[in-house]
Amino acid sequence: MKIWTKIHITDKNKDIDKISNSLTNYLYSYGPILDIERKYKINKKDILELNKYTANRIAGLLMLYLAKDTKRVNDIVNKYNFDNNLNDILPEIEGYINKESK
C-alpha cells in the first residue's frame, strides 16, 4: 500500500526543495531517461547532476509561480519558444506510464 504525503503548492507551503525534487522524479521515473542511461552507460554521478539541474530549474519556476511573477514566466516562455519538432505533445494527466505499452 502506498502512503502519500500531501503537498500543495500554495502561498502557505514554500517547501520548494521537496516539491521540485518530487517533480523531477515525476519527470524522469519510468521514462526514456532510463533507456538513455543504459544505452549510453551514463554513470550515477552524471544522472544526479542532471536531476539537480532539473530540480533547480523547477524550483526557480515554482518561486516565480508563488511570487505571481507572470512577466518573468512569460519572458522564459518567449525566450525558449523555439521549434524543436515537439508537435504532438499530449498532457499526461495521471502521471503514470503504462509499462505494458512498451
C-alpha atoms as a PDB file:
ATOM      1  CA  MET A   1       0.000   0.000   0.000  1.00  0.00           C
ATOM      2  CA  LYS A   2       1.314   3.429  -0.930  1.00  0.00           C
ATOM      3  CA  ILE A   3       1.172   6.208   1.618  1.00  0.00           C
ATOM      4  CA  TRP A   4       1.084   9.670   0.102  1.00  0.00           C
ATOM      5  CA  THR A   5       2.211  12.824   1.840  1.00  0.00           C
ATOM      6  CA  LYS A   6       0.052  15.674   0.672  1.00  0.00           C
ATOM      7  CA  ILE A   7       1.949  18.606  -0.700  1.00  0.00           C
ATOM      8  CA  HIS A   8       0.116  21.615  -2.052  1.00  0.00           C
ATOM      9  CA  ILE A   9       1.692  24.438  -3.995  1.00  0.00           C
ATOM     10  CA  THR A  10       0.197  27.404  -2.197  1.00  0.00           C
ATOM     11  CA  ASP A  11       1.471  30.589  -0.668  1.00  0.00           C
ATOM     12  CA  LYS A  12       1.465  28.832   2.712  1.00  0.00           C
ATOM     13  CA  ASN A  13       3.690  25.975   1.530  1.00  0.00           C
ATOM     14  CA  LYS A  14       7.054  27.184   0.366  1.00  0.00           C
ATOM     15  CA  ASP A  15       8.794  23.800   0.655  1.00  0.00           C
ATOM     16  CA  ILE A  16      10.322  24.310  -2.782  1.00  0.00           C
ATOM     17  CA  ASP A  17      13.043  21.674  -2.298  1.00  0.00           C
ATOM     18  CA  LYS A  18      10.600  18.844  -1.677  1.00  0.00           C
ATOM     19  CA  ILE A  19       8.243  19.905  -4.453  1.00  0.00           C
ATOM     20  CA  SER A  20      10.972  20.386  -7.083  1.00  0.00           C
ATOM     21  CA  ASN A  21      12.562  17.067  -6.129  1.00  0.00           C
ATOM     22  CA  SER A  22       9.192  15.308  -6.443  1.00  0.00           C
ATOM     23  CA  LEU A  23       8.512  16.910  -9.819  1.00  0.00           C
ATOM     24  CA  THR A  24      11.978  15.933 -11.076  1.00  0.00           C
ATOM     25  CA  ASN A  25      11.304  12.335 -10.057  1.00  0.00           C
ATOM     26  CA  TYR A  26       7.917  12.565 -11.776  1.00  0.00           C
ATOM     27  CA  LEU A  27       9.546  13.766 -14.992  1.00  0.00           C
ATOM     28  CA  TYR A  28      12.217  11.062 -15.143  1.00  0.00           C
ATOM     29  CA  SER A  29      10.667   7.994 -13.489  1.00  0.00           C
ATOM     30  CA  TYR A  30       9.873   5.154 -15.891  1.00  0.00           C
ATOM     31  CA  GLY A  31      10.589   7.369 -18.874  1.00  0.00           C
ATOM     32  CA  PRO A  32      13.084   7.292 -21.695  1.00  0.00           C
ATOM     33  CA  ILE A  33      15.794   8.638 -19.382  1.00  0.00           C
ATOM     34  CA  LEU A  34      16.252   5.072 -18.062  1.00  0.00           C
ATOM     35  CA  ASP A  35      16.790   3.766 -21.596  1.00  0.00           C
ATOM     36  CA  ILE A  36      19.217   6.601 -22.349  1.00  0.00           C
ATOM     37  CA  GLU A  37      21.104   5.877 -19.118  1.00  0.00           C
ATOM     38  CA  ARG A  38      21.537   2.209 -20.089  1.00  0.00           C
ATOM     39  CA  LYS A  39      22.224   2.790 -23.792  1.00  0.00           C
ATOM     40  CA  TYR A  40      24.960   5.364 -23.267  1.00  0.00           C
ATOM     41  CA  LYS A  41      26.208   3.907 -19.963  1.00  0.00           C
ATOM     42  CA  ILE A  42      25.739   7.198 -18.131  1.00  0.00           C
ATOM     43  CA  ASN A  43      27.091   6.955 -14.616  1.00  0.00           C
ATOM     44  CA  LYS A  44      25.095   7.753 -11.492  1.00  0.00           C
ATOM     45  CA  LYS A  45      27.077  10.949 -10.825  1.00  0.00           C
ATOM     46  CA  ASP A  46      26.035  12.392 -14.188  1.00  0.00           C
ATOM     47  CA  ILE A  47      22.402  11.360 -13.650  1.00  0.00           C
ATOM     48  CA  LEU A  48      22.496  13.053 -10.244  1.00  0.00           C
ATOM     49  CA  GLU A  49      23.907  16.177 -11.906  1.00  0.00           C
ATOM     50  CA  LEU A  50      21.073  16.145 -14.475  1.00  0.00           C
ATOM     51  CA  ASN A  51      18.470  15.662 -11.744  1.00  0.00           C
ATOM     52  CA  LYS A  52      19.925  18.513  -9.698  1.00  0.00           C
ATOM     53  CA  TYR A  53      19.955  20.825 -12.725  1.00  0.00           C
ATOM     54  CA  THR A  54      16.323  19.965 -13.472  1.00  0.00           C
ATOM     55  CA  ALA A  55      15.245  20.372  -9.831  1.00  0.00           C
ATOM     56  CA  ASN A  56      16.951  23.776  -9.690  1.00  0.00           C
ATOM     57  CA  ARG A  57      15.100  24.927 -12.818  1.00  0.00           C
ATOM     58  CA  ILE A  58      11.781  23.659 -11.467  1.00  0.00           C
ATOM     59  CA  ALA A  59      12.462  25.382  -8.125  1.00  0.00           C
ATOM     60  CA  GLY A  60      13.041  28.656  -9.950  1.00  0.00           C
ATOM     61  CA  LEU A  61       9.757  28.306 -11.843  1.00  0.00           C
ATOM     62  CA  LEU A  62       7.918  27.446  -8.628  1.00  0.00           C
ATOM     63  CA  MET A  63       9.319  30.525  -6.922  1.00  0.00           C
ATOM     64  CA  LEU A  64       8.117  32.673  -9.823  1.00  0.00           C
ATOM     65  CA  TYR A  65       4.712  30.981  -9.587  1.00  0.00           C
ATOM     66  CA  LEU A  66       4.444  31.615  -5.847  1.00  0.00           C
ATOM     67  CA  ALA A  67       5.525  35.210  -6.346  1.00  0.00           C
ATOM     68  CA  LYS A  68       2.882  35.542  -9.077  1.00  0.00           C
ATOM     69  CA  ASP A  69       5.606  36.918 -11.351  1.00  0.00           C
ATOM     70  CA  THR A  70       3.856  36.211 -14.652  1.00  0.00           C
ATOM     71  CA  LYS A  71       6.057  38.684 -16.513  1.00  0.00           C
ATOM     72  CA  ARG A  72       9.203  36.651 -15.845  1.00  0.00           C
ATOM     73  CA  VAL A  73       7.420  33.376 -16.617  1.00  0.00           C
ATOM     74  CA  ASN A  74       6.266  34.871 -19.931  1.00  0.00           C
ATOM     75  CA  ASP A  75       9.824  36.039 -20.612  1.00  0.00           C
ATOM     76  CA  ILE A  76      11.083  32.470 -20.124  1.00  0.00           C
ATOM     77  CA  VAL A  77       8.347  31.067 -22.377  1.00  0.00           C
ATOM     78  CA  ASN A  78       9.134  33.578 -25.105  1.00  0.00           C
ATOM     79  CA  LYS A  79      12.907  33.071 -24.858  1.00  0.00           C
ATOM     80  CA  TYR A  80      12.698  29.280 -25.097  1.00  0.00           C
ATOM     81  CA  ASN A  81       9.812  29.012 -27.564  1.00  0.00           C
ATOM     82  CA  PHE A  82      11.847  27.685 -30.477  1.00  0.00           C
ATOM     83  CA  ASP A  83      10.870  24.975 -32.897  1.00  0.00           C
ATOM     84  CA  ASN A  84      12.238  21.587 -31.862  1.00  0.00           C
ATOM     85  CA  ASN A  85       9.598  19.462 -33.608  1.00  0.00           C
ATOM     86  CA  LEU A  86       7.567  18.681 -30.486  1.00  0.00           C
ATOM     87  CA  ASN A  87       4.289  18.999 -32.355  1.00  0.00           C
ATOM     88  CA  ASP A  88       2.470  16.051 -30.791  1.00  0.00           C
ATOM     89  CA  ILE A  89       2.545  16.994 -27.099  1.00  0.00           C
ATOM     90  CA  LEU A  90      -0.063  15.085 -25.109  1.00  0.00           C
ATOM     91  CA  PRO A  91      -0.564  16.180 -21.497  1.00  0.00           C
ATOM     92  CA  GLU A  92      -0.109  13.305 -19.091  1.00  0.00           C
ATOM     93  CA  ILE A  93      -2.931  13.579 -16.593  1.00  0.00           C
ATOM     94  CA  GLU A  94      -2.419  10.775 -14.115  1.00  0.00           C
ATOM     95  CA  GLY A  95       1.346  10.801 -14.024  1.00  0.00           C
ATOM     96  CA  TYR A  96       1.722   7.087 -14.657  1.00  0.00           C
ATOM     97  CA  ILE A  97       3.119   5.469 -17.761  1.00  0.00           C
ATOM     98  CA  ASN A  98       1.606   2.160 -18.823  1.00  0.00           C
ATOM     99  CA  LYS A  99       4.586  -0.191 -18.690  1.00  0.00           C
ATOM    100  CA  GLU A 100       2.800  -2.737 -20.887  1.00  0.00           C
ATOM    101  CA  SER A 101       2.694  -0.362 -23.845  1.00  0.00           C
ATOM    102  CA  LYS A 102       6.459  -0.672 -24.455  1.00  0.00           C
END
